[in-house]
Amino acid sequence: ADSVKGRFTISRDNAWNTVYLQMNSLKLEDTADYYCQ
């Protein structure tokens, strides 16, 4: 999403069947419930 470009990074580890979201430079407007899908 444009609102997170340059601050968030999505990655995956297929060995662990896991997806990650690294969130940097967090802003007040990032407050939310986060869901993977």
Full PDB file with SEQRES, HELIX, SHEET, SSBOND, CRYST1, ORIGX, SCALE, CONECT and MASTER records, all heavy atoms in Angstrom:
SEQRES   1 A   37  ALA ASP SER VAL LYS GLY ARG PHE THR ILE SER ARG ASP          
SEQRES   2 A   37  ASN ALA TRP ASN THR VAL TYR LEU GLN MET ASN SER LEU          
SEQRES   3 A   37  LYS LEU GLU ASP THR ALA ASP TYR TYR CYS GLN                  
HELIX    1 AA1 LEU A   28  ASP A   30  5                                   3    
SHEET    1 AA1 2 PHE A   8  ASP A  13  0                                        
SHEET    2 AA1 2 THR A  18  MET A  23 -1                                        
CRYST1    1.000    1.000    1.000  90.00  90.00  90.00 P 1           1          
ORIGX1      1.000000  0.000000  0.000000        0.00000                         
ORIGX2      0.000000  1.000000  0.000000        0.00000                         
ORIGX3      0.000000  0.000000  1.000000        0.00000                         
SCALE1      1.000000  0.000000  0.000000        0.00000                         
SCALE2      0.000000  1.000000  0.000000        0.00000                         
SCALE3      0.000000  0.000000  1.000000        0.00000                         
ATOM      1  N   ALA A   1       0.858  -1.178   0.000  1.00  0.00           N  
ATOM      2  CA  ALA A   1       0.000   0.000   0.000  1.00  0.00           C  
ATOM      3  C   ALA A   1       0.898   1.233   0.000  1.00  0.00           C  
ATOM      4  O   ALA A   1       1.989   1.233   0.590  1.00  0.00           O  
ATOM      5  CB  ALA A   1      -0.885  -0.013   1.240  1.00  0.00           C  
ATOM      6  N   ASP A   2       0.419   2.287  -0.653  1.00  0.00           N  
ATOM      7  CA  ASP A   2       1.222   3.509  -0.730  1.00  0.00           C  
ATOM      8  C   ASP A   2       1.578   4.042   0.658  1.00  0.00           C  
ATOM      9  O   ASP A   2       2.659   4.601   0.855  1.00  0.00           O  
ATOM     10  CB  ASP A   2       0.454   4.579  -1.508  1.00  0.00           C  
ATOM     11  CG  ASP A   2       0.389   4.282  -2.993  1.00  0.00           C  
ATOM     12  OD1 ASP A   2       1.192   3.448  -3.473  1.00  0.00           O  
ATOM     13  OD2 ASP A   2      -0.474   4.864  -3.671  1.00  0.00           O  
ATOM     14  N   SER A   3       0.689   3.848   1.600  1.00  0.00           N  
ATOM     15  CA  SER A   3       0.879   4.411   2.936  1.00  0.00           C  
ATOM     16  C   SER A   3       2.036   3.763   3.702  1.00  0.00           C  
ATOM     17  O   SER A   3       2.504   4.333   4.692  1.00  0.00           O  
ATOM     18  CB  SER A   3      -0.400   4.281   3.753  1.00  0.00           C  
ATOM     19  OG  SER A   3      -0.781   2.914   3.855  1.00  0.00           O  
ATOM     20  N   VAL A   4       2.483   2.596   3.259  1.00  0.00           N  
ATOM     21  CA  VAL A   4       3.551   1.898   3.992  1.00  0.00           C  
ATOM     22  C   VAL A   4       4.817   1.704   3.170  1.00  0.00           C  
ATOM     23  O   VAL A   4       5.815   1.193   3.690  1.00  0.00           O  
ATOM     24  CB  VAL A   4       3.072   0.529   4.533  1.00  0.00           C  
ATOM     25  CG1 VAL A   4       1.797   0.695   5.347  1.00  0.00           C  
ATOM     26  CG2 VAL A   4       2.877  -0.477   3.407  1.00  0.00           C  
ATOM     27  N   LYS A   5       4.791   2.102   1.913  1.00  0.00           N  
ATOM     28  CA  LYS A   5       5.967   1.925   1.055  1.00  0.00           C  
ATOM     29  C   LYS A   5       7.183   2.616   1.652  1.00  0.00           C  
ATOM     30  O   LYS A   5       7.100   3.760   2.107  1.00  0.00           O  
ATOM     31  CB  LYS A   5       5.681   2.481  -0.334  1.00  0.00           C  
ATOM     32  CG  LYS A   5       4.881   1.557  -1.222  1.00  0.00           C  
ATOM     33  CD  LYS A   5       4.654   2.174  -2.603  1.00  0.00           C  
ATOM     34  CE  LYS A   5       3.797   1.260  -3.463  1.00  0.00           C  
ATOM     35  NZ  LYS A   5       3.479   1.889  -4.771  1.00  0.00           N  
ATOM     36  N   GLY A   6       8.297   1.907   1.645  1.00  0.00           N  
ATOM     37  CA  GLY A   6       9.527   2.452   2.191  1.00  0.00           C  
ATOM     38  C   GLY A   6       9.677   2.265   3.689  1.00  0.00           C  
ATOM     39  O   GLY A   6      10.753   2.513   4.235  1.00  0.00           O  
ATOM     40  N   ARG A   7       8.610   1.859   4.361  1.00  0.00           N  
ATOM     41  CA  ARG A   7       8.661   1.667   5.821  1.00  0.00           C  
ATOM     42  C   ARG A   7       8.440   0.203   6.211  1.00  0.00           C  
ATOM     43  O   ARG A   7       9.014  -0.272   7.192  1.00  0.00           O  
ATOM     44  CB  ARG A   7       7.602   2.525   6.506  1.00  0.00           C  
ATOM     45  CG  ARG A   7       7.751   4.008   6.253  1.00  0.00           C  
ATOM     46  CD  ARG A   7       6.798   4.822   7.122  1.00  0.00           C  
ATOM     47  NE  ARG A   7       5.394   4.522   6.846  1.00  0.00           N  
ATOM     48  CZ  ARG A   7       4.535   4.066   7.746  1.00  0.00           C  
ATOM     49  NH1 ARG A   7       4.926   3.845   8.983  1.00  0.00           N  
ATOM     50  NH2 ARG A   7       3.268   3.835   7.420  1.00  0.00           N  
ATOM     51  N   PHE A   8       7.581  -0.491   5.475  1.00  0.00           N  
ATOM     52  CA  PHE A   8       7.251  -1.883   5.797  1.00  0.00           C  
ATOM     53  C   PHE A   8       7.891  -2.806   4.758  1.00  0.00           C  
ATOM     54  O   PHE A   8       7.996  -2.456   3.573  1.00  0.00           O  
ATOM     55  CB  PHE A   8       5.742  -2.102   5.768  1.00  0.00           C  
ATOM     56  CG  PHE A   8       4.981  -1.459   6.887  1.00  0.00           C  
ATOM     57  CD1 PHE A   8       5.563  -0.530   7.740  1.00  0.00           C  
ATOM     58  CD2 PHE A   8       3.645  -1.782   7.092  1.00  0.00           C  
ATOM     59  CE1 PHE A   8       4.845   0.058   8.765  1.00  0.00           C  
ATOM     60  CE2 PHE A   8       2.907  -1.204   8.123  1.00  0.00           C  
ATOM     61  CZ  PHE A   8       3.513  -0.279   8.951  1.00  0.00           C  
ATOM     62  N   THR A   9       8.252  -4.000   5.216  1.00  0.00           N  
ATOM     63  CA  THR A   9       8.793  -5.014   4.321  1.00  0.00           C  
ATOM     64  C   THR A   9       8.129  -6.349   4.615  1.00  0.00           C  
ATOM     65  O   THR A   9       8.146  -6.813   5.762  1.00  0.00           O  
ATOM     66  CB  THR A   9      10.308  -5.159   4.486  1.00  0.00           C  
ATOM     67  OG1 THR A   9      10.941  -3.895   4.233  1.00  0.00           O  
ATOM     68  CG2 THR A   9      10.848  -6.204   3.513  1.00  0.00           C  
ATOM     69  N   ILE A  10       7.553  -6.945   3.587  1.00  0.00           N  
ATOM     70  CA  ILE A  10       6.971  -8.276   3.716  1.00  0.00           C  
ATOM     71  C   ILE A  10       7.996  -9.287   3.226  1.00  0.00           C  
ATOM     72  O   ILE A  10       8.710  -9.058   2.239  1.00  0.00           O  
ATOM     73  CB  ILE A  10       5.642  -8.393   2.932  1.00  0.00           C  
ATOM     74  CG1 ILE A  10       4.939  -9.708   3.255  1.00  0.00           C  
ATOM     75  CG2 ILE A  10       5.850  -8.204   1.433  1.00  0.00           C  
ATOM     76  CD1 ILE A  10       3.510  -9.789   2.692  1.00  0.00           C  
ATOM     77  N   SER A  11       8.089 -10.403   3.930  1.00  0.00           N  
ATOM     78  CA  SER A  11       9.024 -11.456   3.533  1.00  0.00           C  
ATOM     79  C   SER A  11       8.434 -12.806   3.913  1.00  0.00           C  
ATOM     80  O   SER A  11       7.441 -12.875   4.649  1.00  0.00           O  
ATOM     81  CB  SER A  11      10.385 -11.255   4.197  1.00  0.00           C  
ATOM     82  OG  SER A  11      10.280 -11.323   5.606  1.00  0.00           O  
ATOM     83  N   ARG A  12       9.044 -13.846   3.401  1.00  0.00           N  
ATOM     84  CA  ARG A  12       8.535 -15.176   3.688  1.00  0.00           C  
ATOM     85  C   ARG A  12       9.694 -16.138   3.907  1.00  0.00           C  
ATOM     86  O   ARG A  12      10.773 -15.965   3.344  1.00  0.00           O  
ATOM     87  CB  ARG A  12       7.641 -15.674   2.553  1.00  0.00           C  
ATOM     88  CG  ARG A  12       8.326 -15.827   1.216  1.00  0.00           C  
ATOM     89  CD  ARG A  12       7.296 -16.052   0.089  1.00  0.00           C  
ATOM     90  NE  ARG A  12       6.545 -17.279   0.324  1.00  0.00           N  
ATOM     91  CZ  ARG A  12       5.303 -17.472  -0.118  1.00  0.00           C  
ATOM     92  NH1 ARG A  12       4.684 -16.530  -0.811  1.00  0.00           N  
ATOM     93  NH2 ARG A  12       4.689 -18.620   0.113  1.00  0.00           N  
ATOM     94  N   ASP A  13       9.439 -17.152   4.705  1.00  0.00           N  
ATOM     95  CA  ASP A  13      10.395 -18.227   4.927  1.00  0.00           C  
ATOM     96  C   ASP A  13       9.661 -19.531   4.652  1.00  0.00           C  
ATOM     97  O   ASP A  13       8.880 -20.002   5.491  1.00  0.00           O  
ATOM     98  CB  ASP A  13      10.923 -18.179   6.364  1.00  0.00           C  
ATOM     99  CG  ASP A  13      12.045 -19.175   6.593  1.00  0.00           C  
ATOM    100  OD1 ASP A  13      12.090 -20.203   5.879  1.00  0.00           O  
ATOM    101  OD2 ASP A  13      12.870 -18.929   7.491  1.00  0.00           O  
ATOM    102  N   ASN A  14       9.907 -20.089   3.494  1.00  0.00           N  
ATOM    103  CA  ASN A  14       9.186 -21.301   3.103  1.00  0.00           C  
ATOM    104  C   ASN A  14       9.559 -22.498   3.973  1.00  0.00           C  
ATOM    105  O   ASN A  14       8.770 -23.435   4.114  1.00  0.00           O  
ATOM    106  CB  ASN A  14       9.442 -21.611   1.638  1.00  0.00           C  
ATOM    107  CG  ASN A  14       8.784 -20.613   0.705  1.00  0.00           C  
ATOM    108  OD1 ASN A  14       7.864 -19.875   1.092  1.00  0.00           O  
ATOM    109  ND2 ASN A  14       9.256 -20.558  -0.525  1.00  0.00           N  
ATOM    110  N   ALA A  15      10.740 -22.475   4.546  1.00  0.00           N  
ATOM    111  CA  ALA A  15      11.142 -23.584   5.416  1.00  0.00           C  
ATOM    112  C   ALA A  15      10.321 -23.622   6.695  1.00  0.00           C  
ATOM    113  O   ALA A  15      10.123 -24.691   7.287  1.00  0.00           O  
ATOM    114  CB  ALA A  15      12.616 -23.473   5.744  1.00  0.00           C  
ATOM    115  N   TRP A  16       9.854 -22.457   7.112  1.00  0.00           N  
ATOM    116  CA  TRP A  16       9.085 -22.354   8.356  1.00  0.00           C  
ATOM    117  C   TRP A  16       7.614 -22.050   8.098  1.00  0.00           C  
ATOM    118  O   TRP A  16       6.865 -21.816   9.057  1.00  0.00           O  
ATOM    119  CB  TRP A  16       9.687 -21.278   9.261  1.00  0.00           C  
ATOM    120  CG  TRP A  16      10.974 -21.723   9.868  1.00  0.00           C  
ATOM    121  CD1 TRP A  16      12.238 -21.441   9.429  1.00  0.00           C  
ATOM    122  CD2 TRP A  16      11.122 -22.546  11.026  1.00  0.00           C  
ATOM    123  NE1 TRP A  16      13.168 -22.035  10.249  1.00  0.00           N  
ATOM    124  CE2 TRP A  16      12.514 -22.716  11.243  1.00  0.00           C  
ATOM    125  CE3 TRP A  16      10.230 -23.147  11.915  1.00  0.00           C  
ATOM    126  CZ2 TRP A  16      13.019 -23.473  12.297  1.00  0.00           C  
ATOM    127  CZ3 TRP A  16      10.734 -23.895  12.973  1.00  0.00           C  
ATOM    128  CH2 TRP A  16      12.118 -24.050  13.142  1.00  0.00           C  
ATOM    129  N   ASN A  17       7.206 -22.032   6.833  1.00  0.00           N  
ATOM    130  CA  ASN A  17       5.808 -21.759   6.489  1.00  0.00           C  
ATOM    131  C   ASN A  17       5.307 -20.464   7.135  1.00  0.00           C  
ATOM    132  O   ASN A  17       4.164 -20.395   7.626  1.00  0.00           O  
ATOM    133  CB  ASN A  17       4.908 -22.922   6.923  1.00  0.00           C  
ATOM    134  CG  ASN A  17       5.243 -24.208   6.204  1.00  0.00           C  
ATOM    135  OD1 ASN A  17       5.730 -24.186   5.070  1.00  0.00           O  
ATOM    136  ND2 ASN A  17       5.007 -25.331   6.859  1.00  0.00           N  
ATOM    137  N   THR A  18       6.162 -19.478   7.122  1.00  0.00           N  
ATOM    138  CA  THR A  18       5.871 -18.248   7.859  1.00  0.00           C  
ATOM    139  C   THR A  18       6.071 -17.020   6.971  1.00  0.00           C  
ATOM    140  O   THR A  18       7.033 -16.966   6.186  1.00  0.00           O  
ATOM    141  CB  THR A  18       6.783 -18.153   9.099  1.00  0.00           C  
ATOM    142  OG1 THR A  18       6.537 -19.279   9.953  1.00  0.00           O  
ATOM    143  CG2 THR A  18       6.513 -16.872   9.875  1.00  0.00           C  
ATOM    144  N   VAL A  19       5.182 -16.076   7.126  1.00  0.00           N  
ATOM    145  CA  VAL A  19       5.304 -14.790   6.456  1.00  0.00           C  
ATOM    146  C   VAL A  19       5.504 -13.723   7.532  1.00  0.00           C  
ATOM    147  O   VAL A  19       4.944 -13.826   8.629  1.00  0.00           O  
ATOM    148  CB  VAL A  19       4.087 -14.483   5.571  1.00  0.00           C  
ATOM    149  CG1 VAL A  19       2.794 -14.443   6.374  1.00  0.00           C  
ATOM    150  CG2 VAL A  19       4.283 -13.202   4.768  1.00  0.00           C  
ATOM    151  N   TYR A  20       6.312 -12.733   7.195  1.00  0.00           N  
ATOM    152  CA  TYR A  20       6.657 -11.685   8.152  1.00  0.00           C  
ATOM    153  C   TYR A  20       6.261 -10.312   7.615  1.00  0.00           C  
ATOM    154  O   TYR A  20       6.160 -10.115   6.408  1.00  0.00           O  
ATOM    155  CB  TYR A  20       8.166 -11.689   8.413  1.00  0.00           C  
ATOM    156  CG  TYR A  20       8.696 -12.999   8.920  1.00  0.00           C  
ATOM    157  CD1 TYR A  20       9.288 -13.907   8.049  1.00  0.00           C  
ATOM    158  CD2 TYR A  20       8.609 -13.327  10.272  1.00  0.00           C  
ATOM    159  CE1 TYR A  20       9.784 -15.116   8.510  1.00  0.00           C  
ATOM    160  CE2 TYR A  20       9.100 -14.537  10.737  1.00  0.00           C  
ATOM    161  CZ  TYR A  20       9.685 -15.426   9.851  1.00  0.00           C  
ATOM    162  OH  TYR A  20      10.163 -16.623  10.317  1.00  0.00           O  
ATOM    163  N   LEU A  21       6.100  -9.390   8.535  1.00  0.00           N  
ATOM    164  CA  LEU A  21       5.929  -7.991   8.166  1.00  0.00           C  
ATOM    165  C   LEU A  21       6.817  -7.169   9.096  1.00  0.00           C  
ATOM    166  O   LEU A  21       6.527  -7.043  10.282  1.00  0.00           O  
ATOM    167  CB  LEU A  21       4.473  -7.547   8.291  1.00  0.00           C  
ATOM    168  CG  LEU A  21       4.191  -6.141   7.771  1.00  0.00           C  
ATOM    169  CD1 LEU A  21       4.356  -6.086   6.248  1.00  0.00           C  
ATOM    170  CD2 LEU A  21       2.771  -5.689   8.148  1.00  0.00           C  
ATOM    171  N   GLN A  22       7.907  -6.678   8.544  1.00  0.00           N  
ATOM    172  CA  GLN A  22       8.787  -5.800   9.288  1.00  0.00           C  
ATOM    173  C   GLN A  22       8.269  -4.375   9.138  1.00  0.00           C  
ATOM    174  O   GLN A  22       8.143  -3.881   8.010  1.00  0.00           O  
ATOM    175  CB  GLN A  22      10.219  -5.894   8.767  1.00  0.00           C  
ATOM    176  CG  GLN A  22      11.196  -4.955   9.440  1.00  0.00           C  
ATOM    177  CD  GLN A  22      11.426  -5.304  10.900  1.00  0.00           C  
ATOM    178  OE1 GLN A  22      11.570  -6.465  11.252  1.00  0.00           O  
ATOM    179  NE2 GLN A  22      11.447  -4.281  11.758  1.00  0.00           N  
ATOM    180  N   MET A  23       7.977  -3.738  10.253  1.00  0.00           N  
ATOM    181  CA  MET A  23       7.386  -2.400  10.239  1.00  0.00           C  
ATOM    182  C   MET A  23       8.348  -1.435  10.918  1.00  0.00           C  
ATOM    183  O   MET A  23       8.627  -1.577  12.115  1.00  0.00           O  
ATOM    184  CB  MET A  23       6.041  -2.416  10.955  1.00  0.00           C  
ATOM    185  CG  MET A  23       5.073  -3.452  10.401  1.00  0.00           C  
ATOM    186  SD  MET A  23       3.427  -3.344  11.133  1.00  0.00           S  
ATOM    187  CE  MET A  23       3.791  -3.778  12.824  1.00  0.00           C  
ATOM    188  N   ASN A  24       8.852  -0.504  10.160  1.00  0.00           N  
ATOM    189  CA  ASN A  24       9.777   0.499  10.674  1.00  0.00           C  
ATOM    190  C   ASN A  24       9.149   1.890  10.585  1.00  0.00           C  
ATOM    191  O   ASN A  24       8.162   2.085   9.875  1.00  0.00           O  
ATOM    192  CB  ASN A  24      11.078   0.482   9.882  1.00  0.00           C  
ATOM    193  CG  ASN A  24      11.813  -0.846   9.966  1.00  0.00           C  
ATOM    194  OD1 ASN A  24      11.730  -1.543  10.985  1.00  0.00           O  
ATOM    195  ND2 ASN A  24      12.512  -1.204   8.911  1.00  0.00           N  
ATOM    196  N   SER A  25       9.741   2.817  11.297  1.00  0.00           N  
ATOM    197  CA  SER A  25       9.269   4.207  11.283  1.00  0.00           C  
ATOM    198  C   SER A  25       7.763   4.268  11.490  1.00  0.00           C  
ATOM    199  O   SER A  25       7.036   4.949  10.755  1.00  0.00           O  
ATOM    200  CB  SER A  25       9.642   4.878   9.955  1.00  0.00           C  
ATOM    201  OG  SER A  25      11.037   4.834   9.744  1.00  0.00           O  
ATOM    202  N   LEU A  26       7.312   3.563  12.489  1.00  0.00           N  
ATOM    203  CA  LEU A  26       5.866   3.479  12.724  1.00  0.00           C  
ATOM    204  C   LEU A  26       5.267   4.830  13.060  1.00  0.00           C  
ATOM    205  O   LEU A  26       5.876   5.652  13.758  1.00  0.00           O  
ATOM    206  CB  LEU A  26       5.582   2.465  13.826  1.00  0.00           C  
ATOM    207  CG  LEU A  26       5.667   1.001  13.361  1.00  0.00           C  
ATOM    208  CD1 LEU A  26       5.857   0.060  14.533  1.00  0.00           C  
ATOM    209  CD2 LEU A  26       4.429   0.634  12.560  1.00  0.00           C  
ATOM    210  N   LYS A  27       4.051   5.025  12.565  1.00  0.00           N  
ATOM    211  CA  LYS A  27       3.315   6.265  12.761  1.00  0.00           C  
ATOM    212  C   LYS A  27       2.045   5.974  13.563  1.00  0.00           C  
ATOM    213  O   LYS A  27       1.581   4.832  13.623  1.00  0.00           O  
ATOM    214  CB  LYS A  27       2.938   6.879  11.416  1.00  0.00           C  
ATOM    215  CG  LYS A  27       4.107   7.141  10.486  1.00  0.00           C  
ATOM    216  CD  LYS A  27       3.608   7.673   9.149  1.00  0.00           C  
ATOM    217  CE  LYS A  27       4.769   7.948   8.204  1.00  0.00           C  
ATOM    218  NZ  LYS A  27       4.294   8.462   6.894  1.00  0.00           N  
ATOM    219  N   LEU A  28       1.493   7.028  14.137  1.00  0.00           N  
ATOM    220  CA  LEU A  28       0.251   6.852  14.894  1.00  0.00           C  
ATOM    221  C   LEU A  28      -0.830   6.187  14.044  1.00  0.00           C  
ATOM    222  O   LEU A  28      -1.603   5.355  14.541  1.00  0.00           O  
ATOM    223  CB  LEU A  28      -0.238   8.212  15.399  1.00  0.00           C  
ATOM    224  CG  LEU A  28       0.656   8.942  16.381  1.00  0.00           C  
ATOM    225  CD1 LEU A  28       0.029  10.283  16.763  1.00  0.00           C  
ATOM    226  CD2 LEU A  28       0.909   8.113  17.626  1.00  0.00           C  
ATOM    227  N   GLU A  29      -0.860   6.549  12.778  1.00  0.00           N  
ATOM    228  CA  GLU A  29      -1.905   6.023  11.895  1.00  0.00           C  
ATOM    229  C   GLU A  29      -1.686   4.560  11.505  1.00  0.00           C  
ATOM    230  O   GLU A  29      -2.528   3.977  10.816  1.00  0.00           O  
ATOM    231  CB  GLU A  29      -2.035   6.891  10.634  1.00  0.00           C  
ATOM    232  CG  GLU A  29      -0.748   7.117   9.873  1.00  0.00           C  
ATOM    233  CD  GLU A  29      -0.073   8.436  10.256  1.00  0.00           C  
ATOM    234  OE1 GLU A  29      -0.066   8.795  11.455  1.00  0.00           O  
ATOM    235  OE2 GLU A  29       0.455   9.085   9.340  1.00  0.00           O  
ATOM    236  N   ASP A  30      -0.604   3.964  11.933  1.00  0.00           N  
ATOM    237  CA  ASP A  30      -0.400   2.530  11.720  1.00  0.00           C  
ATOM    238  C   ASP A  30      -1.099   1.697  12.791  1.00  0.00           C  
ATOM    239  O   ASP A  30      -1.123   0.464  12.704  1.00  0.00           O  
ATOM    240  CB  ASP A  30       1.093   2.193  11.712  1.00  0.00           C  
ATOM    241  CG  ASP A  30       1.831   2.806  10.538  1.00  0.00           C  
ATOM    242  OD1 ASP A  30       1.273   2.806   9.432  1.00  0.00           O  
ATOM    243  OD2 ASP A  30       2.955   3.293  10.749  1.00  0.00           O  
ATOM    244  N   THR A  31      -1.647   2.350  13.794  1.00  0.00           N  
ATOM    245  CA  THR A  31      -2.377   1.639  14.832  1.00  0.00           C  
ATOM    246  C   THR A  31      -3.548   0.888  14.224  1.00  0.00           C  
ATOM    247  O   THR A  31      -4.392   1.480  13.539  1.00  0.00           O  
ATOM    248  CB  THR A  31      -2.873   2.613  15.907  1.00  0.00           C  
ATOM    249  OG1 THR A  31      -1.750   3.176  16.591  1.00  0.00           O  
ATOM    250  CG2 THR A  31      -3.783   1.917  16.903  1.00  0.00           C  
ATOM    251  N   ALA A  32      -3.590  -0.424  14.452  1.00  0.00           N  
ATOM    252  CA  ALA A  32      -4.626  -1.265  13.838  1.00  0.00           C  
ATOM    253  C   ALA A  32      -4.459  -2.697  14.324  1.00  0.00           C  
ATOM    254  O   ALA A  32      -3.439  -3.050  14.927  1.00  0.00           O  
ATOM    255  CB  ALA A  32      -4.519  -1.227  12.318  1.00  0.00           C  
ATOM    256  N   ASP A  33      -5.466  -3.481  14.011  1.00  0.00           N  
ATOM    257  CA  ASP A  33      -5.323  -4.937  14.106  1.00  0.00           C  
ATOM    258  C   ASP A  33      -4.798  -5.423  12.760  1.00  0.00           C  
ATOM    259  O   ASP A  33      -5.337  -5.058  11.715  1.00  0.00           O  
ATOM    260  CB  ASP A  33      -6.661  -5.598  14.422  1.00  0.00           C  
ATOM    261  CG  ASP A  33      -7.142  -5.275  15.826  1.00  0.00           C  
ATOM    262  OD1 ASP A  33      -6.293  -5.153  16.726  1.00  0.00           O  
ATOM    263  OD2 ASP A  33      -8.363  -5.151  16.009  1.00  0.00           O  
ATOM    264  N   TYR A  34      -3.762  -6.241  12.804  1.00  0.00           N  
ATOM    265  CA  TYR A  34      -3.125  -6.738  11.589  1.00  0.00           C  
ATOM    266  C   TYR A  34      -3.444  -8.228  11.411  1.00  0.00           C  
ATOM    267  O   TYR A  34      -3.345  -9.003  12.367  1.00  0.00           O  
ATOM    268  CB  TYR A  34      -1.614  -6.524  11.672  1.00  0.00           C  
ATOM    269  CG  TYR A  34      -1.208  -5.089  11.452  1.00  0.00           C  
ATOM    270  CD1 TYR A  34      -1.442  -4.124  12.428  1.00  0.00           C  
ATOM    271  CD2 TYR A  34      -0.619  -4.687  10.263  1.00  0.00           C  
ATOM    272  CE1 TYR A  34      -1.099  -2.797  12.226  1.00  0.00           C  
ATOM    273  CE2 TYR A  34      -0.263  -3.360  10.053  1.00  0.00           C  
ATOM    274  CZ  TYR A  34      -0.510  -2.428  11.032  1.00  0.00           C  
ATOM    275  OH  TYR A  34      -0.154  -1.115  10.817  1.00  0.00           O  
ATOM    276  N   TYR A  35      -3.797  -8.574  10.185  1.00  0.00           N  
ATOM    277  CA  TYR A  35      -4.212  -9.931   9.861  1.00  0.00           C  
ATOM    278  C   TYR A  35      -3.399 -10.462   8.681  1.00  0.00           C  
ATOM    279  O   TYR A  35      -3.174  -9.730   7.712  1.00  0.00           O  
ATOM    280  CB  TYR A  35      -5.681  -9.962   9.460  1.00  0.00           C  
ATOM    281  CG  TYR A  35      -6.630  -9.438  10.500  1.00  0.00           C  
ATOM    282  CD1 TYR A  35      -6.927  -8.083  10.582  1.00  0.00           C  
ATOM    283  CD2 TYR A  35      -7.256 -10.304  11.396  1.00  0.00           C  
ATOM    284  CE1 TYR A  35      -7.811  -7.590  11.535  1.00  0.00           C  
ATOM    285  CE2 TYR A  35      -8.145  -9.825  12.348  1.00  0.00           C  
ATOM    286  CZ  TYR A  35      -8.412  -8.475  12.410  1.00  0.00           C  
ATOM    287  OH  TYR A  35      -9.280  -8.000  13.359  1.00  0.00           O  
ATOM    288  N   CYS A  36      -3.025 -11.723   8.752  1.00  0.00           N  
ATOM    289  CA  CYS A  36      -2.479 -12.336   7.546  1.00  0.00           C  
ATOM    290  C   CYS A  36      -3.583 -13.116   6.854  1.00  0.00           C  
ATOM    291  O   CYS A  36      -4.574 -13.524   7.476  1.00  0.00           O  
ATOM    292  CB  CYS A  36      -1.264 -13.206   7.839  1.00  0.00           C  
ATOM    293  SG  CYS A  36      -1.566 -14.674   8.793  1.00  0.00           S  
ATOM    294  N   GLN A  37      -3.413 -13.270   5.572  1.00  0.00           N  
ATOM    295  CA  GLN A  37      -4.463 -13.857   4.732  1.00  0.00           C  
ATOM    296  C   GLN A  37      -3.837 -14.655   3.604  1.00  0.00           C  
ATOM    297  O   GLN A  37      -2.774 -14.316   3.084  1.00  0.00           O  
ATOM    298  CB  GLN A  37      -5.335 -12.736   4.156  1.00  0.00           C  
ATOM    299  CG  GLN A  37      -6.504 -13.187   3.300  1.00  0.00           C  
ATOM    300  CD  GLN A  37      -6.165 -13.355   1.827  1.00  0.00           C  
ATOM    301  OE1 GLN A  37      -5.215 -12.769   1.329  1.00  0.00           O  
ATOM    302  NE2 GLN A  37      -6.929 -14.166   1.132  1.00  0.00           N  
TER     303      GLN A  37                                                      
MASTER        0    0    0    1    2    0    0    6  302    1    0    3          
END                                                                             
